[in-house]
Amino acid sequence: MQQNGAAGGRSCALFPLLGVLFFQGVQVVLSLEIKADAHVRGYVGEKIKLKCTFKSTSSVTDKLTIDWTYRPPSSSRTESIFHYQSFQYPTTAGTFRDRISWVGDVYKGDASISISSPTLKDNGTFTCAVKNPPDVHHNIPVTELTVTERGFGTMLSSVALLSVLVFLPSAVVVVLLLVRMVRKSAGLQKMSKSGYKKSSIEVSDESSFVLPRSTRRKVGGEPSGC
């Protein structure tokens, strides 16, 4: 009975220790977190950025690696299109040959790349895998890329936006000038209406003014009588 009690006591004592070890193990597994855009849309001929960021509990060293892979639609075949370890190694073969560029910064947790001159054949699934030993266990995010042709409506909206950005400042300046001219004209009219007016004394003086006698002779002659 005493032996069974001792064994039971040891088992109970192991539970907290196992819990701590499990918790630490979970921390190690989740110590490297990677994020990427789930969906990216681009247009034929226009550079596309595939964004990928990561967070690691360990400092970045020369052992850090980044791998981008591509899988075409309705296919299980994958191909490596980019590798990083201290230096960038874009693919030199396949569909993405000479079209992959590094736009990330590992010291800022950025593992992004870009695709130049994209085509409709670039549609598919991209994955971003990062390892920073001892942080090697992580999630692998997936990015679905959709490349389409720019339609007439999209081009028209772009032209309209450009026109607004170019002509809107000029239109604002013209409106301000017109407002200023109208205000100035209104001010001049107000001044003219409130200008000099003859007083009632001056009007009465003019009405009682009598021409000199010499002037009356020339105009109508001397009046009869005294």
Protein backbone atom coordinates (compact mmCIF):
# COMPACT_ATOMS: atom_id res chain seq x y z
CA MET A 1 0.00 0.00 0.00
CA GLN A 2 2.83 2.32 0.82
CA GLN A 3 4.46 1.57 -2.54
CA ASN A 4 1.24 2.34 -4.38
CA GLY A 5 0.89 5.62 -2.49
CA ALA A 6 4.45 6.61 -3.33
CA ALA A 7 3.94 5.78 -7.02
CA GLY A 8 0.74 7.81 -7.05
CA GLY A 9 2.54 10.75 -5.46
CA ARG A 10 5.28 10.63 -8.08
CA SER A 11 2.68 10.54 -10.87
CA CYS A 12 0.93 13.58 -9.48
CA ALA A 13 4.23 15.40 -9.25
CA LEU A 14 4.96 14.68 -12.93
CA PHE A 15 1.80 16.32 -14.23
CA PRO A 16 2.93 19.95 -13.58
CA LEU A 17 6.34 19.18 -15.10
CA LEU A 18 4.77 17.69 -18.22
CA GLY A 19 2.50 20.69 -18.50
CA VAL A 20 5.45 23.09 -18.42
CA LEU A 21 7.33 21.06 -21.03
CA PHE A 22 4.25 20.95 -23.27
CA PHE A 23 3.75 24.70 -22.97
CA GLN A 24 7.40 25.33 -23.84
CA GLY A 25 7.09 22.97 -26.78
CA VAL A 26 4.08 24.88 -28.08
CA GLN A 27 6.05 28.11 -27.75
CA VAL A 28 8.86 26.67 -29.84
CA VAL A 29 6.46 25.46 -32.52
CA LEU A 30 4.72 28.84 -32.75
CA SER A 31 7.86 30.94 -32.35
CA LEU A 32 8.06 31.69 -36.10
CA GLU A 33 4.99 33.31 -37.63
CA ILE A 34 4.63 34.02 -41.36
CA LYS A 35 1.97 36.15 -43.04
CA ALA A 36 1.16 36.63 -46.73
CA ASP A 37 -1.72 38.05 -48.76
CA ALA A 38 -4.30 35.34 -49.43
CA HIS A 39 -5.30 36.83 -52.77
CA VAL A 40 -3.35 39.09 -55.12
CA ARG A 41 -4.64 40.52 -58.40
CA GLY A 42 -2.45 41.92 -61.13
CA TYR A 43 -2.54 42.96 -64.76
CA VAL A 44 -0.65 41.72 -67.77
CA GLY A 45 2.63 43.56 -68.25
CA GLU A 46 2.48 45.41 -64.90
CA LYS A 47 4.86 44.41 -62.09
CA ILE A 48 3.23 42.47 -59.26
CA LYS A 49 4.42 42.31 -55.64
CA LEU A 50 3.92 39.16 -53.58
CA LYS A 51 4.09 40.29 -49.97
CA CYS A 52 5.37 38.02 -47.21
CA THR A 53 6.35 38.98 -43.66
CA PHE A 54 7.61 36.97 -40.72
CA LYS A 55 8.22 37.26 -36.98
CA SER A 56 10.84 35.18 -35.18
CA THR A 57 11.84 34.95 -31.53
CA SER A 58 15.45 34.43 -32.63
CA SER A 59 17.75 37.02 -34.13
CA VAL A 60 18.30 36.90 -37.87
CA THR A 61 21.53 35.13 -38.82
CA ASP A 62 23.15 33.88 -42.00
CA LYS A 63 21.32 30.59 -41.43
CA LEU A 64 17.96 32.16 -42.25
CA THR A 65 16.45 30.80 -45.46
CA ILE A 66 13.50 31.89 -47.58
CA ASP A 67 11.91 29.75 -50.28
CA TRP A 68 9.18 30.74 -52.69
CA THR A 69 7.43 28.03 -54.70
CA TYR A 70 4.80 28.10 -57.45
CA ARG A 71 2.05 25.65 -58.36
CA PRO A 72 -0.01 26.08 -61.56
CA PRO A 73 -3.81 25.86 -61.40
CA SER A 74 -5.27 22.35 -61.38
CA SER A 75 -1.85 20.81 -60.88
CA SER A 76 0.09 19.21 -58.05
CA ARG A 77 3.45 20.05 -59.58
CA THR A 78 5.43 22.74 -57.76
CA GLU A 79 8.57 24.54 -58.80
CA SER A 80 11.05 26.65 -56.84
CA ILE A 81 11.17 30.22 -58.12
CA PHE A 82 13.27 31.94 -55.44
CA HIS A 83 15.74 31.04 -52.68
CA TYR A 84 17.44 33.29 -50.15
CA GLN A 85 20.30 32.62 -47.75
CA SER A 86 22.48 35.69 -47.20
CA PHE A 87 22.15 36.28 -50.96
CA GLN A 88 19.25 36.21 -53.41
CA TYR A 89 18.92 33.30 -55.79
CA PRO A 90 16.03 33.85 -58.22
CA THR A 91 15.24 31.03 -60.58
CA THR A 92 17.25 30.85 -63.80
CA ALA A 93 14.95 28.37 -65.51
CA GLY A 94 11.29 27.75 -66.13
CA THR A 95 8.36 30.09 -66.54
CA PHE A 96 9.69 32.76 -64.17
CA ARG A 97 13.24 32.90 -65.48
CA ASP A 98 14.75 36.39 -65.09
CA ARG A 99 11.40 37.78 -63.89
CA ILE A 100 11.67 37.37 -60.11
CA SER A 101 13.15 40.21 -58.04
CA TRP A 102 13.88 40.47 -54.32
CA VAL A 103 12.08 43.42 -52.67
CA GLY A 104 12.29 42.29 -49.05
CA ASP A 105 14.49 43.02 -46.04
CA VAL A 106 15.13 40.11 -43.66
CA TYR A 107 16.18 42.45 -40.84
CA LYS A 108 12.73 44.03 -40.99
CA GLY A 109 10.95 40.71 -41.26
CA ASP A 110 10.13 41.19 -44.94
CA ALA A 111 10.45 38.29 -47.39
CA SER A 112 8.58 39.79 -50.36
CA ILE A 113 9.34 39.30 -54.03
CA SER A 114 8.02 40.82 -57.26
CA ILE A 115 7.17 39.44 -60.69
CA SER A 116 7.96 41.55 -63.75
CA SER A 117 6.11 41.31 -67.07
CA PRO A 118 3.39 38.99 -65.72
CA THR A 119 1.22 37.02 -68.13
CA LEU A 120 -1.98 34.99 -67.89
CA LYS A 121 0.19 31.88 -67.54
CA ASP A 122 1.44 33.14 -64.15
CA ASN A 123 -1.91 32.45 -62.48
CA GLY A 124 -1.61 29.94 -59.68
CA THR A 125 -0.60 29.37 -56.06
CA PHE A 126 2.54 30.75 -54.42
CA THR A 127 3.94 29.75 -51.03
CA CYS A 128 6.43 31.57 -48.81
CA ALA A 129 8.51 29.43 -46.41
CA VAL A 130 10.92 30.98 -43.90
CA LYS A 131 13.32 29.21 -41.53
CA ASN A 132 15.42 30.98 -38.94
CA PRO A 133 17.16 28.31 -36.84
CA PRO A 134 16.41 27.36 -34.18
CA ASP A 135 12.95 28.61 -35.29
CA VAL A 136 12.11 26.20 -38.09
CA HIS A 137 8.54 25.15 -37.27
CA HIS A 138 5.97 27.49 -38.73
CA ASN A 139 2.87 27.87 -40.83
CA ILE A 140 3.22 28.12 -44.61
CA PRO A 141 0.86 30.79 -46.02
CA VAL A 142 -0.58 30.45 -49.51
CA THR A 143 -1.15 33.28 -52.00
CA GLU A 144 -3.51 32.91 -54.94
CA LEU A 145 -2.43 35.10 -57.88
CA THR A 146 -4.91 36.17 -60.56
CA VAL A 147 -3.53 37.97 -63.61
CA THR A 148 -6.00 39.57 -66.04
CA GLU A 149 -6.02 41.92 -69.00
CA ARG A 150 -6.89 45.53 -68.32
CA GLY A 151 -10.34 46.19 -69.79
CA PHE A 152 -11.44 49.37 -71.58
CA GLY A 153 -13.41 50.43 -68.51
CA THR A 154 -10.35 50.10 -66.30
CA MET A 155 -8.22 52.08 -68.77
CA LEU A 156 -10.93 54.72 -69.02
CA SER A 157 -11.15 55.06 -65.26
CA SER A 158 -7.37 55.43 -65.08
CA VAL A 159 -7.44 58.17 -67.71
CA ALA A 160 -10.28 59.90 -65.88
CA LEU A 161 -8.39 59.76 -62.62
CA LEU A 162 -5.29 61.21 -64.27
CA SER A 163 -7.36 63.98 -65.83
CA VAL A 164 -8.87 64.86 -62.46
CA LEU A 165 -5.45 64.98 -60.83
CA VAL A 166 -4.09 67.24 -63.59
CA PHE A 167 -7.03 69.59 -64.21
CA LEU A 168 -8.58 69.84 -60.75
CA PRO A 169 -5.90 72.21 -59.37
CA SER A 170 -6.27 74.46 -62.45
CA ALA A 171 -10.05 74.51 -62.05
CA VAL A 172 -9.71 75.49 -58.40
CA VAL A 173 -7.40 78.38 -59.31
CA VAL A 174 -9.83 79.61 -62.00
CA VAL A 175 -12.76 79.50 -59.59
CA LEU A 176 -10.82 81.44 -56.96
CA LEU A 177 -9.90 84.10 -59.53
CA LEU A 178 -13.54 84.43 -60.64
CA VAL A 179 -14.71 84.77 -57.04
CA ARG A 180 -12.11 87.44 -56.45
CA MET A 181 -13.16 89.36 -59.59
CA VAL A 182 -16.85 89.21 -58.62
CA ARG A 183 -16.10 90.49 -55.13
CA LYS A 184 -13.98 93.29 -56.53
CA SER A 185 -16.73 94.32 -59.00
CA ALA A 186 -19.34 94.28 -56.23
CA GLY A 187 -17.10 96.48 -54.09
CA LEU A 188 -16.70 99.04 -56.88
CA GLN A 189 -20.47 99.19 -57.44
CA LYS A 190 -21.06 99.71 -53.74
CA MET A 191 -18.56 102.54 -53.66
CA SER A 192 -20.19 104.23 -56.67
CA LYS A 193 -23.63 104.03 -55.06
CA SER A 194 -22.40 105.52 -51.80
CA GLY A 195 -20.47 108.36 -53.54
CA TYR A 196 -20.85 112.24 -53.22
CA LYS A 197 -24.45 113.63 -53.03
CA LYS A 198 -25.54 117.28 -52.86
CA SER A 199 -26.91 118.44 -49.55
CA SER A 200 -30.34 120.06 -49.16
CA ILE A 201 -28.72 123.44 -48.40
CA GLU A 202 -26.88 123.44 -51.73
CA VAL A 203 -30.06 122.54 -53.60
CA SER A 204 -32.01 125.39 -51.96
CA ASP A 205 -29.22 127.85 -52.73
CA GLU A 206 -29.30 126.93 -56.41
CA SER A 207 -33.08 127.32 -56.60
CA SER A 208 -32.93 130.89 -55.13
CA PHE A 209 -30.06 132.04 -57.33
CA VAL A 210 -30.86 135.23 -59.40
CA LEU A 211 -28.99 136.14 -62.55
CA PRO A 212 -27.20 139.51 -62.56
CA ARG A 213 -29.02 142.43 -64.24
CA SER A 214 -26.56 142.68 -67.12
CA THR A 215 -27.07 139.01 -67.81
CA ARG A 216 -30.86 139.39 -67.73
CA ARG A 217 -30.71 142.12 -70.36
CA LYS A 218 -28.85 139.90 -72.74
CA VAL A 219 -31.11 136.95 -72.12
CA GLY A 220 -34.67 138.44 -72.04
CA GLY A 221 -34.31 142.20 -71.71
CA GLU A 222 -34.94 144.48 -68.76
CA PRO A 223 -38.30 143.84 -67.18
CA SER A 224 -40.80 146.68 -67.25
CA GLY A 225 -41.33 148.84 -64.20
CA CYS A 226 -38.76 150.03 -61.65
